[in-house]
């Protein structure tokens, strides 16, 4: 994660964005530790045939 963030900075990006399923607690924790912050949610952002609709969290990191 750190290498990807540093590469984005070196390439001149001003921010990184990602989407993560709200139930994925381990991924959320990892992204938050890297400095990403939540900026929105979509309660029906992802649909799986096995689990139905799942909430998506939008996150960003200002570089």
Foldseek 3Di string as FASTA:
>chain_A
DVVVVVVCVVVPDFKDKDKDFPVPVVVVVVVVVVPKDWDDKDQQPDQDPVPGGTMMTMIMHGD
